[in-house]
Amino acid sequence: MKYAAVIEKTTNGYSGYVPDLPGCVAAGNSCEETEKLLRDAVALHVESLREHGDPIPEPQTSVASVDVPA
C-alpha cells in the first residue's frame, strides 16, 4: 500500500502526518529526516493494527499540485 504523507515546515524543524492513518505522525530537524521517521511510523502503525486485529485503512488521500500565477 502507498499512503500519502504531509510534511510541513515548522518554527523548530518539520512535522509530518498521514491523513489516512490517524495518529501516525513524526517530527524531525529536516524534511528528509521527517520523511524517514514517517516511513518508520507508518510501518509500526500498520504492524500495531495487525497485531490488534484492527482493519488497515485503504489509502484514500490523493495529492495534487496547484499552479498559481506568480
N, C-alpha and C. Protein backbone atom coordinates (compact mmCIF):
# COMPACT_ATOMS: atom_id res chain seq x y z
N MET A 1 0.84 -1.18 0.00
CA MET A 1 0.00 0.00 0.00
C MET A 1 0.88 1.24 0.00
N LYS A 2 0.36 2.28 -0.58
CA LYS A 2 1.10 3.54 -0.63
C LYS A 2 0.21 4.64 -0.04
N TYR A 3 0.65 5.21 1.07
CA TYR A 3 -0.10 6.26 1.75
C TYR A 3 0.49 7.63 1.43
N ALA A 4 -0.38 8.62 1.28
CA ALA A 4 0.06 10.00 1.12
C ALA A 4 0.49 10.52 2.49
N ALA A 5 1.56 11.30 2.49
CA ALA A 5 2.05 11.92 3.73
C ALA A 5 2.19 13.42 3.51
N VAL A 6 1.93 14.18 4.55
CA VAL A 6 2.07 15.63 4.50
C VAL A 6 3.22 16.00 5.43
N ILE A 7 4.19 16.75 4.89
CA ILE A 7 5.31 17.23 5.70
C ILE A 7 5.31 18.75 5.61
N GLU A 8 5.32 19.38 6.78
CA GLU A 8 5.25 20.83 6.85
C GLU A 8 6.44 21.39 7.63
N LYS A 9 6.92 22.54 7.17
CA LYS A 9 7.98 23.24 7.90
C LYS A 9 7.35 23.92 9.11
N THR A 10 8.03 23.81 10.24
CA THR A 10 7.57 24.46 11.47
C THR A 10 8.66 25.41 11.94
N THR A 11 8.42 26.11 13.03
CA THR A 11 9.43 27.02 13.55
C THR A 11 10.64 26.28 14.09
N ASN A 12 10.45 25.00 14.47
CA ASN A 12 11.55 24.22 15.06
C ASN A 12 12.06 23.10 14.17
N GLY A 13 11.59 23.00 12.95
CA GLY A 13 12.02 21.90 12.08
C GLY A 13 10.90 21.53 11.13
N TYR A 14 10.53 20.25 11.14
CA TYR A 14 9.48 19.75 10.25
C TYR A 14 8.58 18.79 11.00
N SER A 15 7.32 18.76 10.61
CA SER A 15 6.41 17.77 11.17
C SER A 15 5.64 17.14 10.02
N GLY A 16 5.23 15.89 10.23
CA GLY A 16 4.51 15.20 9.17
C GLY A 16 3.43 14.31 9.73
N TYR A 17 2.45 14.01 8.89
CA TYR A 17 1.36 13.13 9.29
C TYR A 17 0.82 12.42 8.06
N VAL A 18 0.10 11.33 8.31
CA VAL A 18 -0.51 10.54 7.25
C VAL A 18 -2.02 10.65 7.43
N PRO A 19 -2.71 11.38 6.55
CA PRO A 19 -4.15 11.61 6.73
C PRO A 19 -4.98 10.33 6.85
N ASP A 20 -4.59 9.27 6.17
CA ASP A 20 -5.37 8.03 6.20
C ASP A 20 -5.08 7.15 7.40
N LEU A 21 -4.10 7.53 8.21
CA LEU A 21 -3.75 6.78 9.42
C LEU A 21 -3.76 7.74 10.61
N PRO A 22 -4.92 8.05 11.16
CA PRO A 22 -4.99 9.00 12.26
C PRO A 22 -4.04 8.63 13.40
N GLY A 23 -3.31 9.63 13.87
CA GLY A 23 -2.36 9.42 14.95
C GLY A 23 -0.97 9.06 14.47
N CYS A 24 -0.80 8.85 13.18
CA CYS A 24 0.51 8.49 12.63
C CYS A 24 1.24 9.79 12.27
N VAL A 25 2.17 10.19 13.13
CA VAL A 25 2.86 11.47 12.99
C VAL A 25 4.35 11.30 13.24
N ALA A 26 5.12 12.29 12.80
CA ALA A 26 6.56 12.30 13.05
C ALA A 26 7.05 13.74 12.97
N ALA A 27 8.19 13.99 13.59
CA ALA A 27 8.81 15.31 13.53
C ALA A 27 10.32 15.14 13.47
N GLY A 28 10.97 16.03 12.74
CA GLY A 28 12.42 15.95 12.61
C GLY A 28 13.03 17.31 12.34
N ASN A 29 14.35 17.32 12.25
CA ASN A 29 15.08 18.56 12.01
C ASN A 29 15.13 18.95 10.54
N SER A 30 14.93 17.98 9.64
CA SER A 30 14.94 18.25 8.21
C SER A 30 13.76 17.54 7.56
N CYS A 31 13.46 17.93 6.35
CA CYS A 31 12.39 17.27 5.61
C CYS A 31 12.73 15.80 5.39
N GLU A 32 13.99 15.53 5.05
CA GLU A 32 14.44 14.16 4.80
C GLU A 32 14.33 13.29 6.05
N GLU A 33 14.76 13.85 7.19
CA GLU A 33 14.67 13.10 8.45
C GLU A 33 13.20 12.82 8.80
N THR A 34 12.36 13.82 8.62
CA THR A 34 10.94 13.65 8.92
C THR A 34 10.32 12.59 8.02
N GLU A 35 10.68 12.58 6.75
CA GLU A 35 10.16 11.56 5.84
C GLU A 35 10.58 10.17 6.27
N LYS A 36 11.84 10.00 6.67
CA LYS A 36 12.32 8.70 7.12
C LYS A 36 11.57 8.26 8.38
N LEU A 37 11.44 9.18 9.33
CA LEU A 37 10.73 8.86 10.57
C LEU A 37 9.26 8.54 10.30
N LEU A 38 8.68 9.23 9.33
CA LEU A 38 7.28 8.97 8.98
C LEU A 38 7.12 7.59 8.34
N ARG A 39 8.08 7.20 7.51
CA ARG A 39 8.05 5.85 6.92
C ARG A 39 8.09 4.80 8.04
N ASP A 40 8.97 5.02 9.01
CA ASP A 40 9.05 4.09 10.15
C ASP A 40 7.75 4.08 10.94
N ALA A 41 7.17 5.27 11.14
CA ALA A 41 5.92 5.38 11.90
C ALA A 41 4.78 4.65 11.20
N VAL A 42 4.71 4.75 9.87
CA VAL A 42 3.67 4.06 9.12
C VAL A 42 3.81 2.56 9.29
N ALA A 43 5.04 2.06 9.16
CA ALA A 43 5.27 0.61 9.31
C ALA A 43 4.85 0.14 10.69
N LEU A 44 5.22 0.87 11.73
CA LEU A 44 4.85 0.50 13.10
C LEU A 44 3.35 0.61 13.33
N HIS A 45 2.74 1.63 12.76
CA HIS A 45 1.30 1.83 12.92
C HIS A 45 0.53 0.67 12.30
N VAL A 46 0.90 0.30 11.07
CA VAL A 46 0.22 -0.81 10.39
C VAL A 46 0.47 -2.12 11.13
N GLU A 47 1.70 -2.32 11.60
CA GLU A 47 2.02 -3.53 12.38
C GLU A 47 1.14 -3.61 13.63
N SER A 48 0.97 -2.50 14.32
CA SER A 48 0.15 -2.47 15.53
C SER A 48 -1.31 -2.78 15.21
N LEU A 49 -1.82 -2.23 14.11
CA LEU A 49 -3.19 -2.53 13.71
C LEU A 49 -3.36 -4.02 13.48
N ARG A 50 -2.40 -4.62 12.78
CA ARG A 50 -2.46 -6.07 12.51
C ARG A 50 -2.44 -6.87 13.80
N GLU A 51 -1.53 -6.51 14.72
CA GLU A 51 -1.40 -7.25 15.98
C GLU A 51 -2.68 -7.20 16.81
N HIS A 52 -3.40 -6.09 16.71
CA HIS A 52 -4.64 -5.93 17.48
C HIS A 52 -5.87 -6.41 16.72
N GLY A 53 -5.66 -6.91 15.51
CA GLY A 53 -6.78 -7.40 14.72
C GLY A 53 -7.67 -6.30 14.17
N ASP A 54 -7.14 -5.08 14.14
CA ASP A 54 -7.91 -3.95 13.62
C ASP A 54 -7.75 -3.87 12.10
N PRO A 55 -8.75 -3.34 11.41
CA PRO A 55 -8.64 -3.21 9.96
C PRO A 55 -7.57 -2.18 9.59
N ILE A 56 -6.91 -2.43 8.49
CA ILE A 56 -5.91 -1.50 7.98
C ILE A 56 -6.60 -0.62 6.94
N PRO A 57 -6.67 0.68 7.19
CA PRO A 57 -7.37 1.56 6.25
C PRO A 57 -6.73 1.55 4.86
N GLU A 58 -7.58 1.52 3.86
CA GLU A 58 -7.10 1.65 2.49
C GLU A 58 -6.69 3.10 2.26
N PRO A 59 -5.60 3.32 1.53
CA PRO A 59 -5.22 4.69 1.20
C PRO A 59 -6.33 5.35 0.38
N GLN A 60 -6.74 6.54 0.78
CA GLN A 60 -7.79 7.25 0.07
C GLN A 60 -7.41 8.69 -0.26
N THR A 61 -6.41 9.21 0.41
CA THR A 61 -6.00 10.59 0.18
C THR A 61 -5.19 10.67 -1.11
N SER A 62 -5.51 11.68 -1.93
CA SER A 62 -4.71 11.91 -3.13
C SER A 62 -4.03 13.27 -3.01
N VAL A 63 -2.96 13.42 -3.75
CA VAL A 63 -2.16 14.63 -3.68
C VAL A 63 -2.13 15.28 -5.06
N ALA A 64 -2.27 16.58 -5.09
CA ALA A 64 -2.21 17.32 -6.34
C ALA A 64 -1.42 18.60 -6.12
N SER A 65 -0.70 19.00 -7.14
CA SER A 65 -0.01 20.29 -7.11
C SER A 65 -0.86 21.29 -7.87
N VAL A 66 -0.97 22.48 -7.33
CA VAL A 66 -1.79 23.51 -7.96
C VAL A 66 -0.89 24.67 -8.35
N ASP A 67 -0.87 24.99 -9.63
CA ASP A 67 -0.08 26.12 -10.12
C ASP A 67 -0.88 27.41 -9.98
N VAL A 68 -0.21 28.45 -9.52
CA VAL A 68 -0.83 29.77 -9.44
C VAL A 68 0.09 30.77 -10.12
N PRO A 69 -0.45 31.80 -10.71
CA PRO A 69 0.40 32.80 -11.35
C PRO A 69 1.30 33.48 -10.32
N ALA A 70 2.52 33.75 -10.72
CA ALA A 70 3.48 34.39 -9.82
C ALA A 70 3.16 35.84 -9.61
